[in-house]
N, C-alpha and C. Protein backbone atom coordinates (compact mmCIF):
# COMPACT_ATOMS: atom_id res chain seq x y z
N MET A 1 -75.41 39.78 5.29
CA MET A 1 -76.15 39.55 4.11
C MET A 1 -76.65 38.00 4.09
N VAL A 2 -77.91 37.86 3.78
CA VAL A 2 -78.38 36.38 3.81
C VAL A 2 -78.96 36.27 2.47
N ILE A 3 -78.39 35.11 1.74
CA ILE A 3 -78.82 34.62 0.48
C ILE A 3 -79.78 33.46 0.79
N SER A 4 -81.07 33.58 0.30
CA SER A 4 -82.06 32.51 0.56
C SER A 4 -82.19 31.83 -0.82
N VAL A 5 -81.84 30.56 -0.90
CA VAL A 5 -82.06 29.60 -1.97
C VAL A 5 -83.10 28.82 -1.78
N CYS A 6 -84.14 28.80 -2.71
CA CYS A 6 -85.07 27.74 -2.72
C CYS A 6 -84.71 26.21 -2.97
N ILE A 7 -85.17 25.42 -2.21
CA ILE A 7 -84.96 24.09 -2.42
C ILE A 7 -86.20 23.31 -2.37
N GLY A 8 -87.41 23.90 -2.75
CA GLY A 8 -88.54 23.35 -3.11
C GLY A 8 -88.49 22.46 -4.34
N THR A 9 -89.43 21.73 -4.59
CA THR A 9 -89.43 20.82 -5.57
C THR A 9 -88.86 21.16 -7.05
N ALA A 10 -89.59 22.36 -7.46
CA ALA A 10 -89.30 22.73 -8.86
C ALA A 10 -87.82 23.25 -8.84
N CYS A 11 -87.40 24.01 -7.87
CA CYS A 11 -86.08 24.45 -7.79
C CYS A 11 -84.99 23.28 -7.58
N HIS A 12 -85.41 22.52 -6.78
CA HIS A 12 -84.66 21.22 -6.51
C HIS A 12 -84.35 20.57 -7.82
N LEU A 13 -85.29 20.35 -8.57
CA LEU A 13 -85.10 19.83 -10.13
C LEU A 13 -84.37 20.61 -10.92
N GLU A 14 -84.28 22.01 -10.71
CA GLU A 14 -83.47 22.77 -11.51
C GLU A 14 -82.00 23.01 -11.05
N GLY A 15 -81.65 22.30 -9.92
CA GLY A 15 -80.27 22.49 -9.45
C GLY A 15 -79.96 23.16 -8.33
N SER A 16 -80.91 23.33 -7.36
CA SER A 16 -80.63 24.28 -6.23
C SER A 16 -79.43 23.73 -5.35
N TYR A 17 -79.17 22.61 -5.22
CA TYR A 17 -78.04 22.12 -4.61
C TYR A 17 -76.65 22.49 -5.12
N ASN A 18 -76.74 22.43 -6.47
CA ASN A 18 -75.51 22.91 -7.36
C ASN A 18 -75.25 24.44 -7.08
N VAL A 19 -76.30 25.25 -7.03
CA VAL A 19 -76.41 26.65 -6.78
C VAL A 19 -75.66 26.73 -5.41
N ILE A 20 -76.22 26.22 -4.32
CA ILE A 20 -75.80 26.38 -3.10
C ILE A 20 -74.32 26.02 -3.02
N ALA A 21 -73.93 25.01 -3.62
CA ALA A 21 -72.50 24.57 -3.65
C ALA A 21 -71.62 25.56 -4.21
N ALA A 22 -72.08 26.24 -5.31
CA ALA A 22 -71.27 27.28 -5.76
C ALA A 22 -71.18 28.50 -5.00
N PHE A 23 -72.29 28.77 -4.30
CA PHE A 23 -72.15 30.04 -3.52
C PHE A 23 -71.10 29.64 -2.32
N GLN A 24 -71.44 28.51 -1.63
CA GLN A 24 -70.39 28.02 -0.57
C GLN A 24 -68.92 28.17 -1.04
N GLN A 25 -68.65 27.72 -2.30
CA GLN A 25 -67.31 27.75 -2.67
C GLN A 25 -66.86 29.27 -2.75
N MET A 26 -67.71 30.13 -3.23
CA MET A 26 -67.27 31.54 -3.47
C MET A 26 -67.16 32.27 -1.98
N ILE A 27 -68.18 31.86 -1.04
CA ILE A 27 -67.92 32.26 0.38
C ILE A 27 -66.48 31.88 0.82
N GLU A 28 -66.17 30.57 0.66
CA GLU A 28 -64.86 30.05 1.06
C GLU A 28 -63.56 30.93 0.43
N LYS A 29 -63.74 30.96 -0.89
CA LYS A 29 -62.75 31.61 -1.62
C LYS A 29 -62.33 33.04 -1.21
N TYR A 30 -63.48 33.84 -0.84
CA TYR A 30 -63.24 35.03 -0.43
C TYR A 30 -63.42 35.41 1.00
N ARG A 31 -63.35 34.42 1.74
CA ARG A 31 -63.52 34.45 3.15
C ARG A 31 -64.54 35.30 3.74
N LEU A 32 -65.82 34.94 3.26
CA LEU A 32 -66.96 35.79 3.61
C LEU A 32 -67.75 35.27 4.70
N HIS A 33 -67.27 34.19 5.50
CA HIS A 33 -68.08 33.52 6.28
C HIS A 33 -68.79 34.41 7.40
N ASP A 34 -68.38 35.59 7.82
CA ASP A 34 -68.81 36.56 8.76
C ASP A 34 -69.80 37.48 8.20
N ASN A 35 -69.75 37.51 6.83
CA ASN A 35 -70.47 38.50 6.11
C ASN A 35 -71.66 38.00 5.36
N VAL A 36 -71.69 36.77 4.98
CA VAL A 36 -72.63 36.21 4.08
C VAL A 36 -73.09 34.62 4.55
N LYS A 37 -74.35 34.56 4.77
CA LYS A 37 -75.12 33.46 5.14
C LYS A 37 -75.99 32.90 4.08
N ILE A 38 -75.91 31.55 3.87
CA ILE A 38 -76.80 30.96 2.95
C ILE A 38 -77.96 30.27 3.76
N LYS A 39 -79.25 30.41 3.26
CA LYS A 39 -80.31 29.97 4.02
C LYS A 39 -81.33 29.26 3.01
N ALA A 40 -81.58 27.92 3.20
CA ALA A 40 -82.45 27.21 2.54
C ALA A 40 -83.90 27.68 2.71
N ALA A 41 -84.64 27.86 1.56
CA ALA A 41 -86.01 28.43 1.78
C ALA A 41 -86.94 27.47 0.83
N PHE A 42 -88.20 27.68 1.06
CA PHE A 42 -89.07 26.95 0.25
C PHE A 42 -89.85 27.85 -0.53
N CYS A 43 -90.76 27.53 -1.40
CA CYS A 43 -91.29 28.35 -2.57
C CYS A 43 -91.26 29.75 -2.38
N MET A 44 -90.83 30.53 -3.35
CA MET A 44 -90.69 31.96 -3.50
C MET A 44 -91.72 32.49 -4.46
N GLY A 45 -92.48 31.69 -5.07
CA GLY A 45 -93.66 32.10 -5.86
C GLY A 45 -93.29 32.36 -7.28
N GLN A 46 -92.02 31.92 -7.74
CA GLN A 46 -91.49 32.31 -8.91
C GLN A 46 -91.18 30.91 -9.70
N CYS A 47 -91.81 29.97 -9.43
CA CYS A 47 -91.64 28.62 -10.03
C CYS A 47 -91.65 28.64 -11.53
N ALA A 48 -92.36 29.38 -12.22
CA ALA A 48 -92.51 29.30 -13.70
C ALA A 48 -91.19 29.73 -14.36
N HIS A 49 -90.28 30.52 -13.71
CA HIS A 49 -89.04 30.86 -14.31
C HIS A 49 -88.02 29.62 -14.30
N GLN A 50 -87.14 29.57 -15.34
CA GLN A 50 -86.16 28.65 -15.37
C GLN A 50 -85.08 28.97 -14.40
N GLY A 51 -84.55 27.90 -13.79
CA GLY A 51 -83.51 28.24 -12.79
C GLY A 51 -83.89 28.09 -11.42
N VAL A 52 -83.16 28.36 -10.47
CA VAL A 52 -83.38 28.32 -8.99
C VAL A 52 -83.72 29.78 -8.58
N CYS A 53 -84.66 29.81 -7.68
CA CYS A 53 -85.21 31.08 -7.06
C CYS A 53 -84.14 31.51 -6.00
N VAL A 54 -83.48 32.69 -6.01
CA VAL A 54 -82.56 33.02 -5.22
C VAL A 54 -82.94 34.68 -4.76
N LYS A 55 -82.75 34.90 -3.39
CA LYS A 55 -83.20 36.25 -2.96
C LYS A 55 -82.02 36.59 -2.00
N ILE A 56 -81.64 37.92 -2.21
CA ILE A 56 -80.54 38.41 -1.28
C ILE A 56 -81.30 39.33 -0.31
N ASP A 57 -81.23 39.14 0.99
CA ASP A 57 -82.01 40.07 1.91
C ASP A 57 -83.36 40.19 1.59
N SER A 58 -83.73 41.50 1.40
CA SER A 58 -85.23 41.62 1.08
C SER A 58 -85.40 42.00 -0.41
N LYS A 59 -84.30 41.78 -1.18
CA LYS A 59 -84.28 42.16 -2.67
C LYS A 59 -85.26 41.32 -3.44
N GLU A 60 -85.51 41.65 -4.61
CA GLU A 60 -86.33 40.86 -5.65
C GLU A 60 -85.81 39.45 -5.91
N VAL A 61 -86.66 38.43 -5.97
CA VAL A 61 -86.17 37.14 -6.31
C VAL A 61 -85.62 37.03 -7.75
N GLN A 62 -84.52 36.33 -7.84
CA GLN A 62 -83.76 36.24 -9.13
C GLN A 62 -83.85 34.71 -9.57
N SER A 63 -83.71 34.40 -10.71
CA SER A 63 -83.50 33.03 -11.20
C SER A 63 -81.93 32.85 -11.41
N VAL A 64 -81.45 31.72 -10.87
CA VAL A 64 -80.00 31.43 -11.03
C VAL A 64 -79.82 30.03 -11.31
N THR A 65 -78.93 29.56 -12.20
CA THR A 65 -78.55 28.21 -12.52
C THR A 65 -77.06 28.00 -11.91
N GLY A 66 -76.79 26.67 -12.00
CA GLY A 66 -75.52 26.21 -11.65
C GLY A 66 -74.38 26.88 -12.56
N ALA A 67 -74.78 27.16 -13.87
CA ALA A 67 -73.85 27.81 -14.68
C ALA A 67 -73.68 29.16 -14.53
N THR A 68 -74.63 29.97 -13.90
CA THR A 68 -74.75 31.43 -13.59
C THR A 68 -74.46 31.77 -12.17
N ALA A 69 -74.29 30.73 -11.39
CA ALA A 69 -74.27 31.07 -9.85
C ALA A 69 -73.00 31.97 -9.49
N LYS A 70 -71.91 31.64 -10.04
CA LYS A 70 -70.57 32.41 -9.58
C LYS A 70 -70.77 33.66 -10.23
N THR A 71 -71.17 33.97 -11.30
CA THR A 71 -71.29 35.33 -11.92
C THR A 71 -72.39 36.28 -11.11
N PHE A 72 -73.51 35.56 -10.89
CA PHE A 72 -74.57 36.05 -9.91
C PHE A 72 -73.90 36.54 -8.55
N PHE A 73 -73.08 35.71 -8.11
CA PHE A 73 -72.49 35.98 -6.71
C PHE A 73 -71.50 37.18 -6.90
N GLN A 74 -70.59 37.19 -7.97
CA GLN A 74 -69.83 38.21 -8.15
C GLN A 74 -70.52 39.65 -8.17
N GLU A 75 -71.55 39.48 -8.94
CA GLU A 75 -72.20 40.82 -9.41
C GLU A 75 -73.16 41.24 -8.13
N ASN A 76 -73.71 40.38 -7.40
CA ASN A 76 -74.71 40.61 -6.44
C ASN A 76 -74.19 40.63 -5.05
N VAL A 77 -73.03 39.99 -4.77
CA VAL A 77 -72.47 39.90 -3.37
C VAL A 77 -71.21 40.66 -3.26
N LEU A 78 -70.21 40.01 -4.24
CA LEU A 78 -68.87 40.72 -4.07
C LEU A 78 -69.03 42.35 -4.40
N ALA A 79 -69.84 42.67 -5.54
CA ALA A 79 -69.79 43.94 -5.78
C ALA A 79 -70.27 44.91 -4.82
N VAL A 80 -71.23 44.30 -3.89
CA VAL A 80 -71.79 44.95 -2.71
C VAL A 80 -70.81 45.12 -1.51
N LEU A 81 -70.22 43.94 -1.24
CA LEU A 81 -69.30 43.77 -0.11
C LEU A 81 -67.80 44.41 -0.35
N LYS A 82 -67.42 44.27 -1.53
CA LYS A 82 -66.09 44.73 -1.94
C LYS A 82 -66.09 45.64 -3.14
N PRO A 83 -66.70 46.88 -3.01
CA PRO A 83 -66.81 47.76 -4.17
C PRO A 83 -65.46 47.98 -4.66
N GLN A 84 -65.40 48.32 -6.10
CA GLN A 84 -64.12 48.74 -6.70
C GLN A 84 -63.86 50.18 -6.56
N GLY A 85 -62.75 50.53 -6.56
CA GLY A 85 -62.38 51.90 -6.68
C GLY A 85 -61.65 52.43 -5.25
């Protein structure tokens, strides 16, 4: 799984490095180094949205903030890699 995080000007100002740091903490916490990679990207064409543009593999671009990054990771990464049940 590849998580692309925009580090372009608008997303940088919205806190892209905070989002990346939160994702890195989650990868470390759940020992997902072999399953999840974070990739810096430039403009994904969604600059009008508040937050940082994040895309998982080829899925739709979503807006994430430092405050929502851990929840985003749990719902979109952990839920896929470690399904409940």
